Amino acid sequence: MPQELPGHVSVPDVRLPGSEGSLARGALPAPGLDPAAPPLAYPLAQPAESLDPWGWRYSERRSAWRLHTGIDLAAPQGTVVLASRAGRVLLVESISGYGTTVLLDHGEGWQTLYAHLHEAIVVNGVWLEQGQPLGMVGMTGSATGPHLHFELRRQGAELLALDPTPHLPPPSLPPVLATISP
């Protein structure tokens, strides 16, 4: 494995319907806490172990450095995934690598992405309140075990992938536990 991050690191394209170009192409490391970022609620109905943090990592499989544009939270398959902030469902789709994915638009360019879901229980265009269920943890796409891949994004001139960790509360039980009836 190389000791230093190369000057140019390719980030895989993730095309979403109606987008110009690629959403991941503009993913850049954003140093420090962005004071404009919205406060987020914990995206799972139970505490979870953080498996893989946001940031650069070396991929043995690809023999290259890649930006991990979110955080991975290990949880049992079927754990309820919650909207971390109120917003409109922009996308519910199976995306290569991400598997079953939900993308929420929170306004003012802010978005959150929830990937590797076993099942999405929302549809495009609906409004979700913070803490409302949107799906269940799974291992779709390139996931090797059940977990939630969670991203915080800011759309401006380019799409930026920000580390959501500083904007999340500690992993404790949310004030209201969401349940999904069969």
N, C-alpha and C. Protein backbone atom coordinates (compact mmCIF):
# COMPACT_ATOMS: atom_id res chain seq x y z
N MET A 1 0.84 -1.18 0.00
CA MET A 1 0.00 0.00 0.00
C MET A 1 0.89 1.24 0.00
N PRO A 2 0.59 2.23 -0.84
CA PRO A 2 1.36 3.47 -0.86
C PRO A 2 1.28 4.18 0.49
N GLN A 3 2.36 4.84 0.90
CA GLN A 3 2.39 5.55 2.17
C GLN A 3 1.69 6.90 2.11
N GLU A 4 1.68 7.53 0.95
CA GLU A 4 1.09 8.86 0.83
C GLU A 4 -0.05 8.85 -0.16
N LEU A 5 -0.98 9.73 0.08
CA LEU A 5 -2.10 9.90 -0.83
C LEU A 5 -1.60 10.60 -2.08
N PRO A 6 -1.87 10.07 -3.27
CA PRO A 6 -1.42 10.72 -4.50
C PRO A 6 -2.13 12.05 -4.69
N GLY A 7 -1.53 12.92 -5.52
CA GLY A 7 -2.11 14.24 -5.78
C GLY A 7 -3.47 14.18 -6.43
N HIS A 8 -3.70 13.23 -7.30
CA HIS A 8 -5.00 13.10 -7.96
C HIS A 8 -5.57 11.73 -7.62
N VAL A 9 -6.76 11.74 -7.08
CA VAL A 9 -7.42 10.50 -6.71
C VAL A 9 -8.77 10.47 -7.39
N SER A 10 -9.02 9.43 -8.17
CA SER A 10 -10.31 9.36 -8.85
C SER A 10 -11.38 8.91 -7.88
N VAL A 11 -12.56 9.49 -8.03
CA VAL A 11 -13.72 9.13 -7.23
C VAL A 11 -14.74 8.58 -8.21
N PRO A 12 -15.36 7.44 -7.89
CA PRO A 12 -16.28 6.83 -8.85
C PRO A 12 -17.48 7.72 -9.12
N ASP A 13 -17.98 7.64 -10.34
CA ASP A 13 -19.19 8.38 -10.70
C ASP A 13 -20.42 7.71 -10.12
N VAL A 14 -21.32 8.51 -9.65
CA VAL A 14 -22.62 8.02 -9.21
C VAL A 14 -23.64 8.91 -9.88
N ARG A 15 -24.23 8.42 -10.94
CA ARG A 15 -25.19 9.23 -11.70
C ARG A 15 -26.59 9.06 -11.13
N LEU A 16 -27.25 10.18 -10.93
CA LEU A 16 -28.62 10.17 -10.46
C LEU A 16 -29.49 10.80 -11.53
N PRO A 17 -30.73 10.32 -11.68
CA PRO A 17 -31.61 10.86 -12.72
C PRO A 17 -31.76 12.37 -12.61
N GLY A 18 -31.65 13.05 -13.74
CA GLY A 18 -31.85 14.49 -13.79
C GLY A 18 -30.66 15.31 -13.35
N SER A 19 -29.54 14.66 -13.00
CA SER A 19 -28.39 15.44 -12.55
C SER A 19 -27.49 15.74 -13.74
N GLU A 20 -26.85 16.87 -13.66
CA GLU A 20 -25.85 17.21 -14.66
C GLU A 20 -24.53 16.61 -14.21
N GLY A 21 -23.89 15.89 -15.05
CA GLY A 21 -22.61 15.29 -14.69
C GLY A 21 -22.79 14.18 -13.68
N SER A 22 -21.94 14.17 -12.70
CA SER A 22 -21.91 13.08 -11.75
C SER A 22 -21.89 13.62 -10.33
N LEU A 23 -22.60 12.98 -9.45
CA LEU A 23 -22.66 13.47 -8.08
C LEU A 23 -21.37 13.23 -7.31
N ALA A 24 -20.68 12.15 -7.57
CA ALA A 24 -19.49 11.88 -6.78
C ALA A 24 -18.25 12.56 -7.36
N ARG A 25 -18.29 12.98 -8.60
CA ARG A 25 -17.11 13.56 -9.22
C ARG A 25 -16.60 14.76 -8.42
N GLY A 26 -17.50 15.56 -7.87
CA GLY A 26 -17.10 16.75 -7.12
C GLY A 26 -16.81 16.48 -5.66
N ALA A 27 -16.80 15.22 -5.24
CA ALA A 27 -16.56 14.91 -3.84
C ALA A 27 -15.15 15.33 -3.45
N LEU A 28 -15.07 16.18 -2.46
CA LEU A 28 -13.78 16.69 -2.00
C LEU A 28 -13.72 16.61 -0.49
N PRO A 29 -12.54 16.39 0.06
CA PRO A 29 -12.46 16.41 1.51
C PRO A 29 -12.70 17.84 2.00
N ALA A 30 -13.57 18.00 2.96
CA ALA A 30 -13.87 19.32 3.51
C ALA A 30 -13.24 19.40 4.89
N PRO A 31 -12.15 20.17 5.04
CA PRO A 31 -11.45 20.18 6.32
C PRO A 31 -12.29 20.83 7.42
N GLY A 32 -12.32 20.20 8.57
CA GLY A 32 -12.97 20.78 9.72
C GLY A 32 -14.48 20.80 9.64
N LEU A 33 -15.08 21.39 10.64
CA LEU A 33 -16.53 21.48 10.75
C LEU A 33 -17.05 22.63 9.91
N ASP A 34 -18.04 22.38 9.08
CA ASP A 34 -18.68 23.42 8.30
C ASP A 34 -19.77 24.04 9.17
N PRO A 35 -19.59 25.29 9.62
CA PRO A 35 -20.56 25.88 10.53
C PRO A 35 -21.95 26.03 9.92
N ALA A 36 -22.04 26.01 8.60
CA ALA A 36 -23.34 26.16 7.94
C ALA A 36 -24.09 24.83 7.86
N ALA A 37 -23.43 23.73 8.16
CA ALA A 37 -24.08 22.42 8.05
C ALA A 37 -25.21 22.30 9.07
N PRO A 38 -26.30 21.68 8.66
CA PRO A 38 -27.44 21.54 9.58
C PRO A 38 -27.15 20.52 10.67
N PRO A 39 -27.73 20.72 11.87
CA PRO A 39 -27.60 19.67 12.88
C PRO A 39 -28.39 18.45 12.42
N LEU A 40 -27.85 17.30 12.67
CA LEU A 40 -28.47 16.06 12.21
C LEU A 40 -28.86 15.20 13.41
N ALA A 41 -29.92 14.43 13.26
CA ALA A 41 -30.30 13.43 14.25
C ALA A 41 -29.64 12.11 13.87
N TYR A 42 -29.45 11.25 14.84
CA TYR A 42 -28.85 9.95 14.58
C TYR A 42 -29.73 9.18 13.60
N PRO A 43 -29.15 8.58 12.54
CA PRO A 43 -29.97 7.99 11.47
C PRO A 43 -30.46 6.56 11.70
N LEU A 44 -30.25 6.02 12.88
CA LEU A 44 -30.72 4.66 13.17
C LEU A 44 -31.57 4.66 14.43
N ALA A 45 -32.49 3.71 14.51
CA ALA A 45 -33.38 3.60 15.66
C ALA A 45 -32.71 2.94 16.86
N GLN A 46 -31.44 2.59 16.73
CA GLN A 46 -30.67 2.05 17.85
C GLN A 46 -29.21 2.41 17.65
N PRO A 47 -28.43 2.46 18.74
CA PRO A 47 -27.00 2.76 18.59
C PRO A 47 -26.32 1.71 17.71
N ALA A 48 -25.28 2.12 17.02
CA ALA A 48 -24.56 1.20 16.13
C ALA A 48 -23.06 1.46 16.23
N GLU A 49 -22.31 0.45 15.89
CA GLU A 49 -20.85 0.57 15.85
C GLU A 49 -20.44 1.25 14.55
N SER A 50 -19.53 2.21 14.67
CA SER A 50 -19.00 2.86 13.47
C SER A 50 -17.94 1.94 12.87
N LEU A 51 -18.22 1.46 11.64
CA LEU A 51 -17.33 0.52 10.97
C LEU A 51 -16.23 1.20 10.18
N ASP A 52 -16.61 2.19 9.43
CA ASP A 52 -15.69 2.80 8.48
C ASP A 52 -15.95 4.30 8.46
N PRO A 53 -14.98 5.12 8.87
CA PRO A 53 -15.21 6.56 8.92
C PRO A 53 -15.14 7.21 7.54
N TRP A 54 -15.52 8.46 7.50
CA TRP A 54 -15.42 9.28 6.30
C TRP A 54 -13.94 9.58 6.06
N GLY A 55 -13.52 9.60 4.80
CA GLY A 55 -12.16 10.02 4.47
C GLY A 55 -11.49 9.12 3.45
N TRP A 56 -10.24 9.43 3.19
CA TRP A 56 -9.47 8.67 2.21
C TRP A 56 -9.11 7.31 2.77
N ARG A 57 -9.18 6.30 1.91
CA ARG A 57 -8.77 4.96 2.30
C ARG A 57 -8.18 4.26 1.08
N TYR A 58 -7.31 3.32 1.37
CA TYR A 58 -6.66 2.58 0.29
C TYR A 58 -7.46 1.33 0.00
N SER A 59 -7.80 1.12 -1.26
CA SER A 59 -8.55 -0.06 -1.69
C SER A 59 -7.57 -1.09 -2.25
N GLU A 60 -7.40 -2.18 -1.52
CA GLU A 60 -6.53 -3.26 -1.99
C GLU A 60 -7.08 -3.84 -3.29
N ARG A 61 -8.40 -3.95 -3.36
CA ARG A 61 -9.04 -4.54 -4.54
C ARG A 61 -8.75 -3.72 -5.79
N ARG A 62 -8.76 -2.40 -5.65
CA ARG A 62 -8.53 -1.52 -6.80
C ARG A 62 -7.10 -1.01 -6.88
N SER A 63 -6.30 -1.29 -5.87
CA SER A 63 -4.93 -0.78 -5.78
C SER A 63 -4.89 0.72 -5.98
N ALA A 64 -5.79 1.41 -5.28
CA ALA A 64 -5.87 2.86 -5.44
C ALA A 64 -6.48 3.49 -4.19
N TRP A 65 -6.16 4.77 -3.98
CA TRP A 65 -6.80 5.54 -2.92
C TRP A 65 -8.17 5.98 -3.39
N ARG A 66 -9.15 5.95 -2.48
CA ARG A 66 -10.51 6.38 -2.80
C ARG A 66 -11.07 7.16 -1.61
N LEU A 67 -11.93 8.09 -1.93
CA LEU A 67 -12.59 8.84 -0.87
C LEU A 67 -13.84 8.08 -0.44
N HIS A 68 -13.89 7.70 0.82
CA HIS A 68 -15.11 7.11 1.38
C HIS A 68 -15.96 8.30 1.79
N THR A 69 -17.02 8.54 1.02
CA THR A 69 -17.78 9.80 1.11
C THR A 69 -18.85 9.80 2.19
N GLY A 70 -18.83 8.82 3.06
CA GLY A 70 -19.79 8.77 4.15
C GLY A 70 -19.22 8.00 5.32
N ILE A 71 -20.10 7.62 6.24
CA ILE A 71 -19.71 6.77 7.36
C ILE A 71 -20.53 5.49 7.28
N ASP A 72 -19.97 4.40 7.75
CA ASP A 72 -20.67 3.12 7.77
C ASP A 72 -20.99 2.77 9.22
N LEU A 73 -22.27 2.52 9.49
CA LEU A 73 -22.74 2.17 10.82
C LEU A 73 -23.27 0.74 10.81
N ALA A 74 -22.60 -0.16 11.54
CA ALA A 74 -22.99 -1.57 11.58
C ALA A 74 -24.23 -1.73 12.44
N ALA A 75 -25.22 -2.41 11.91
CA ALA A 75 -26.46 -2.67 12.64
C ALA A 75 -27.08 -3.95 12.07
N PRO A 76 -27.87 -4.64 12.86
CA PRO A 76 -28.52 -5.85 12.35
C PRO A 76 -29.43 -5.55 11.16
N GLN A 77 -29.48 -6.49 10.22
CA GLN A 77 -30.38 -6.32 9.08
C GLN A 77 -31.80 -6.11 9.60
N GLY A 78 -32.48 -5.13 9.02
CA GLY A 78 -33.85 -4.83 9.42
C GLY A 78 -33.95 -3.70 10.43
N THR A 79 -32.81 -3.23 10.98
CA THR A 79 -32.85 -2.08 11.89
C THR A 79 -33.46 -0.89 11.15
N VAL A 80 -34.32 -0.16 11.82
CA VAL A 80 -35.01 0.97 11.18
C VAL A 80 -34.03 2.11 10.94
N VAL A 81 -34.05 2.65 9.71
CA VAL A 81 -33.25 3.81 9.32
C VAL A 81 -34.16 5.03 9.36
N LEU A 82 -33.67 6.11 9.98
CA LEU A 82 -34.47 7.31 10.21
C LEU A 82 -33.94 8.51 9.43
N ALA A 83 -34.83 9.40 9.03
CA ALA A 83 -34.41 10.66 8.40
C ALA A 83 -33.65 11.47 9.44
N SER A 84 -32.43 11.84 9.13
CA SER A 84 -31.60 12.58 10.09
C SER A 84 -31.99 14.05 10.18
N ARG A 85 -32.80 14.49 9.24
CA ARG A 85 -33.29 15.87 9.20
C ARG A 85 -34.52 15.85 8.30
N ALA A 86 -35.44 16.77 8.54
CA ALA A 86 -36.64 16.85 7.69
C ALA A 86 -36.23 17.16 6.26
N GLY A 87 -36.93 16.55 5.30
CA GLY A 87 -36.61 16.81 3.90
C GLY A 87 -37.50 16.03 2.96
N ARG A 88 -37.35 16.35 1.67
CA ARG A 88 -38.12 15.70 0.62
C ARG A 88 -37.30 14.57 0.02
N VAL A 89 -37.95 13.44 -0.22
CA VAL A 89 -37.27 12.30 -0.85
C VAL A 89 -37.01 12.66 -2.31
N LEU A 90 -35.74 12.73 -2.66
CA LEU A 90 -35.32 13.10 -4.01
C LEU A 90 -35.13 11.86 -4.88
N LEU A 91 -34.77 10.74 -4.25
CA LEU A 91 -34.46 9.54 -5.02
C LEU A 91 -34.64 8.30 -4.15
N VAL A 92 -35.25 7.30 -4.72
CA VAL A 92 -35.30 5.94 -4.15
C VAL A 92 -34.95 5.03 -5.31
N GLU A 93 -33.78 4.41 -5.25
CA GLU A 93 -33.30 3.65 -6.40
C GLU A 93 -32.19 2.70 -5.98
N SER A 94 -32.01 1.64 -6.75
CA SER A 94 -30.86 0.77 -6.58
C SER A 94 -29.73 1.33 -7.43
N ILE A 95 -28.63 1.67 -6.79
CA ILE A 95 -27.48 2.28 -7.47
C ILE A 95 -26.29 1.34 -7.33
N SER A 96 -25.57 1.15 -8.42
CA SER A 96 -24.40 0.28 -8.42
C SER A 96 -23.48 0.65 -7.25
N GLY A 97 -23.06 -0.34 -6.50
CA GLY A 97 -22.19 -0.10 -5.35
C GLY A 97 -22.97 0.24 -4.09
N TYR A 98 -23.89 1.18 -4.19
CA TYR A 98 -24.68 1.62 -3.03
C TYR A 98 -25.85 0.68 -2.75
N GLY A 99 -26.31 -0.05 -3.73
CA GLY A 99 -27.51 -0.86 -3.54
C GLY A 99 -28.73 0.02 -3.37
N THR A 100 -29.71 -0.46 -2.61
CA THR A 100 -30.94 0.31 -2.40
C THR A 100 -30.60 1.58 -1.62
N THR A 101 -30.94 2.72 -2.23
CA THR A 101 -30.52 4.03 -1.74
C THR A 101 -31.69 4.98 -1.65
N VAL A 102 -31.68 5.81 -0.60
CA VAL A 102 -32.63 6.92 -0.47
C VAL A 102 -31.80 8.20 -0.33
N LEU A 103 -32.17 9.22 -1.11
CA LEU A 103 -31.52 10.53 -1.05
C LEU A 103 -32.56 11.55 -0.63
N LEU A 104 -32.26 12.30 0.45
CA LEU A 104 -33.16 13.34 0.94
C LEU A 104 -32.59 14.71 0.64
N ASP A 105 -33.45 15.63 0.23
CA ASP A 105 -33.09 17.03 -0.01
C ASP A 105 -33.63 17.84 1.15
N HIS A 106 -32.73 18.53 1.87
CA HIS A 106 -33.12 19.31 3.05
C HIS A 106 -33.22 20.80 2.75
N GLY A 107 -33.04 21.19 1.50
CA GLY A 107 -33.09 22.60 1.13
C GLY A 107 -31.74 23.27 1.29
N GLU A 108 -31.59 24.42 0.66
CA GLU A 108 -30.36 25.22 0.70
C GLU A 108 -29.13 24.41 0.31
N GLY A 109 -29.32 23.42 -0.58
CA GLY A 109 -28.20 22.64 -1.09
C GLY A 109 -27.80 21.44 -0.25
N TRP A 110 -28.42 21.24 0.91
CA TRP A 110 -28.05 20.13 1.79
C TRP A 110 -28.81 18.86 1.45
N GLN A 111 -28.08 17.74 1.44
CA GLN A 111 -28.67 16.43 1.16
C GLN A 111 -28.06 15.40 2.11
N THR A 112 -28.84 14.35 2.40
CA THR A 112 -28.29 13.18 3.09
C THR A 112 -28.63 11.95 2.26
N LEU A 113 -27.72 10.98 2.27
CA LEU A 113 -27.88 9.77 1.49
C LEU A 113 -27.79 8.57 2.44
N TYR A 114 -28.67 7.59 2.21
CA TYR A 114 -28.76 6.38 3.03
C TYR A 114 -28.65 5.19 2.08
N ALA A 115 -27.61 4.37 2.22
CA ALA A 115 -27.36 3.31 1.23
C ALA A 115 -27.22 1.94 1.87
N HIS A 116 -27.25 0.92 1.02
CA HIS A 116 -27.18 -0.51 1.36
C HIS A 116 -28.44 -0.96 2.09
N LEU A 117 -29.56 -0.27 1.87
CA LEU A 117 -30.80 -0.60 2.57
C LEU A 117 -31.35 -1.96 2.12
N HIS A 118 -31.88 -2.69 3.07
CA HIS A 118 -32.59 -3.94 2.76
C HIS A 118 -33.88 -3.59 2.03
N GLU A 119 -34.51 -2.52 2.48
CA GLU A 119 -35.76 -2.07 1.88
C GLU A 119 -35.95 -0.59 2.15
N ALA A 120 -36.42 0.14 1.13
CA ALA A 120 -36.83 1.53 1.30
C ALA A 120 -38.35 1.52 1.48
N ILE A 121 -38.86 2.31 2.43
CA ILE A 121 -40.30 2.32 2.67
C ILE A 121 -40.91 3.68 2.32
N VAL A 122 -40.19 4.46 1.51
CA VAL A 122 -40.66 5.76 1.06
C VAL A 122 -40.62 5.79 -0.46
N VAL A 123 -41.25 6.80 -1.04
CA VAL A 123 -41.24 6.98 -2.49
C VAL A 123 -40.78 8.39 -2.81
N ASN A 124 -40.35 8.59 -4.05
CA ASN A 124 -39.90 9.91 -4.50
C ASN A 124 -40.97 10.96 -4.23
N GLY A 125 -40.53 12.12 -3.78
CA GLY A 125 -41.41 13.27 -3.64
C GLY A 125 -42.07 13.44 -2.29
N VAL A 126 -42.06 12.42 -1.44
CA VAL A 126 -42.73 12.58 -0.14
C VAL A 126 -41.87 13.39 0.82
N TRP A 127 -42.52 14.08 1.73
CA TRP A 127 -41.84 14.86 2.76
C TRP A 127 -41.69 14.00 4.01
N LEU A 128 -40.50 13.98 4.58
CA LEU A 128 -40.25 13.25 5.82
C LEU A 128 -39.86 14.23 6.91
N GLU A 129 -40.39 14.02 8.08
CA GLU A 129 -39.97 14.78 9.25
C GLU A 129 -38.72 14.13 9.83
N GLN A 130 -37.93 14.90 10.57
CA GLN A 130 -36.76 14.35 11.23
C GLN A 130 -37.19 13.19 12.13
N GLY A 131 -36.48 12.07 12.03
CA GLY A 131 -36.78 10.90 12.85
C GLY A 131 -37.80 9.95 12.26
N GLN A 132 -38.36 10.31 11.11
CA GLN A 132 -39.36 9.44 10.47
C GLN A 132 -38.65 8.29 9.75
N PRO A 133 -39.18 7.05 9.84
CA PRO A 133 -38.54 5.91 9.17
C PRO A 133 -38.53 6.08 7.65
N LEU A 134 -37.43 5.64 7.02
CA LEU A 134 -37.34 5.68 5.56
C LEU A 134 -36.93 4.34 4.97
N GLY A 135 -36.47 3.43 5.80
CA GLY A 135 -36.06 2.13 5.31
C GLY A 135 -35.49 1.27 6.41
N MET A 136 -34.86 0.18 5.99
CA MET A 136 -34.26 -0.75 6.94
C MET A 136 -32.85 -1.12 6.51
N VAL A 137 -31.97 -1.26 7.48
CA VAL A 137 -30.58 -1.63 7.22
C VAL A 137 -30.54 -2.94 6.45
N GLY A 138 -29.61 -3.01 5.50
CA GLY A 138 -29.42 -4.22 4.72
C GLY A 138 -27.97 -4.37 4.33
N MET A 139 -27.76 -5.13 3.27
CA MET A 139 -26.41 -5.32 2.74
C MET A 139 -26.48 -5.44 1.22
N THR A 140 -27.18 -4.49 0.60
CA THR A 140 -27.30 -4.48 -0.86
C THR A 140 -26.10 -3.77 -1.48
N GLY A 141 -26.00 -3.82 -2.79
CA GLY A 141 -24.87 -3.21 -3.48
C GLY A 141 -23.60 -3.98 -3.16
N SER A 142 -22.52 -3.25 -2.90
CA SER A 142 -21.23 -3.91 -2.64
C SER A 142 -20.98 -4.14 -1.15
N ALA A 143 -21.99 -4.02 -0.32
CA ALA A 143 -21.82 -4.24 1.12
C ALA A 143 -21.45 -5.69 1.40
N THR A 144 -20.56 -5.89 2.36
CA THR A 144 -20.15 -7.25 2.73
C THR A 144 -20.80 -7.70 4.03
N GLY A 145 -21.57 -6.83 4.64
CA GLY A 145 -22.30 -7.15 5.86
C GLY A 145 -23.36 -6.08 6.07
N PRO A 146 -24.34 -6.34 6.93
CA PRO A 146 -25.41 -5.36 7.12
C PRO A 146 -24.89 -4.08 7.80
N HIS A 147 -25.15 -2.96 7.16
CA HIS A 147 -24.78 -1.66 7.72
C HIS A 147 -25.48 -0.56 6.94
N LEU A 148 -25.48 0.63 7.54
CA LEU A 148 -25.98 1.82 6.86
C LEU A 148 -24.78 2.64 6.40
N HIS A 149 -24.74 2.97 5.12
CA HIS A 149 -23.76 3.94 4.61
C HIS A 149 -24.51 5.27 4.60
N PHE A 150 -24.00 6.27 5.34
CA PHE A 150 -24.68 7.55 5.53
C PHE A 150 -23.77 8.68 5.06
N GLU A 151 -24.31 9.54 4.19
CA GLU A 151 -23.53 10.67 3.65
C GLU A 151 -24.23 11.99 3.93
N LEU A 152 -23.41 13.04 4.10
CA LEU A 152 -23.87 14.42 4.15
C LEU A 152 -23.25 15.11 2.95
N ARG A 153 -24.11 15.75 2.14
CA ARG A 153 -23.66 16.38 0.90
C ARG A 153 -24.11 17.84 0.86
N ARG A 154 -23.30 18.66 0.19
CA ARG A 154 -23.67 20.06 -0.03
C ARG A 154 -23.53 20.35 -1.52
N GLN A 155 -24.66 20.71 -2.15
CA GLN A 155 -24.66 21.02 -3.58
C GLN A 155 -24.48 22.52 -3.75
N GLY A 156 -23.40 22.89 -4.42
CA GLY A 156 -23.15 24.28 -4.78
C GLY A 156 -22.67 24.27 -6.21
N ALA A 157 -21.57 24.97 -6.48
CA ALA A 157 -20.98 24.90 -7.82
C ALA A 157 -20.56 23.46 -8.11
N GLU A 158 -20.11 22.76 -7.07
CA GLU A 158 -19.81 21.33 -7.16
C GLU A 158 -20.50 20.65 -5.99
N LEU A 159 -20.68 19.36 -6.10
CA LEU A 159 -21.22 18.61 -4.98
C LEU A 159 -20.07 18.26 -4.04
N LEU A 160 -20.20 18.62 -2.78
CA LEU A 160 -19.17 18.32 -1.80
C LEU A 160 -19.67 17.23 -0.87
N ALA A 161 -18.80 16.29 -0.57
CA ALA A 161 -19.09 15.26 0.42
C ALA A 161 -18.42 15.71 1.72
N LEU A 162 -19.22 15.88 2.76
CA LEU A 162 -18.69 16.32 4.04
C LEU A 162 -18.76 15.19 5.05
N ASP A 163 -17.87 15.24 6.03
CA ASP A 163 -17.90 14.26 7.10
C ASP A 163 -19.12 14.54 7.97
N PRO A 164 -20.08 13.62 8.04
CA PRO A 164 -21.27 13.87 8.85
C PRO A 164 -21.03 13.72 10.35
N THR A 165 -19.94 13.07 10.74
CA THR A 165 -19.71 12.73 12.14
C THR A 165 -19.80 13.93 13.09
N PRO A 166 -19.16 15.08 12.78
CA PRO A 166 -19.24 16.20 13.73
C PRO A 166 -20.65 16.79 13.85
N HIS A 167 -21.52 16.47 12.93
CA HIS A 167 -22.87 17.03 12.91
C HIS A 167 -23.91 16.09 13.53
N LEU A 168 -23.46 14.90 13.94
CA LEU A 168 -24.37 13.90 14.52
C LEU A 168 -24.25 13.88 16.04
N PRO A 169 -25.36 13.60 16.73
CA PRO A 169 -25.26 13.41 18.18
C PRO A 169 -24.57 12.08 18.46
N PRO A 170 -24.16 11.85 19.71
CA PRO A 170 -23.58 10.54 20.03
C PRO A 170 -24.60 9.43 19.74
N PRO A 171 -24.10 8.25 19.43
CA PRO A 171 -25.02 7.15 19.10
C PRO A 171 -25.75 6.64 20.35
N SER A 172 -26.85 7.28 20.65
CA SER A 172 -27.70 6.83 21.76
C SER A 172 -29.10 6.65 21.21
N LEU A 173 -29.96 6.13 22.01
CA LEU A 173 -31.33 5.93 21.54
C LEU A 173 -31.97 7.26 21.21
N PRO A 174 -32.63 7.35 20.06
CA PRO A 174 -33.33 8.58 19.71
C PRO A 174 -34.46 8.84 20.72
N PRO A 175 -34.92 10.10 20.84
CA PRO A 175 -35.98 10.40 21.78
C PRO A 175 -37.24 9.58 21.53
N VAL A 176 -37.55 9.31 20.27
CA VAL A 176 -38.73 8.52 19.93
C VAL A 176 -38.25 7.36 19.08
N LEU A 177 -38.53 6.15 19.50
CA LEU A 177 -38.15 4.99 18.70
C LEU A 177 -39.19 4.74 17.64
N ALA A 178 -38.73 4.61 16.42
CA ALA A 178 -39.65 4.35 15.31
C ALA A 178 -39.83 2.85 15.16
N THR A 179 -41.03 2.46 14.82
CA THR A 179 -41.29 1.05 14.54
C THR A 179 -42.02 0.94 13.22
N ILE A 180 -41.86 -0.18 12.59
CA ILE A 180 -42.53 -0.42 11.32
C ILE A 180 -43.44 -1.62 11.53
N SER A 181 -44.70 -1.44 11.27
CA SER A 181 -45.65 -2.54 11.41
C SER A 181 -45.56 -3.44 10.19
N PRO A 182 -45.67 -4.76 10.40
CA PRO A 182 -45.59 -5.67 9.25
C PRO A 182 -46.77 -5.51 8.33
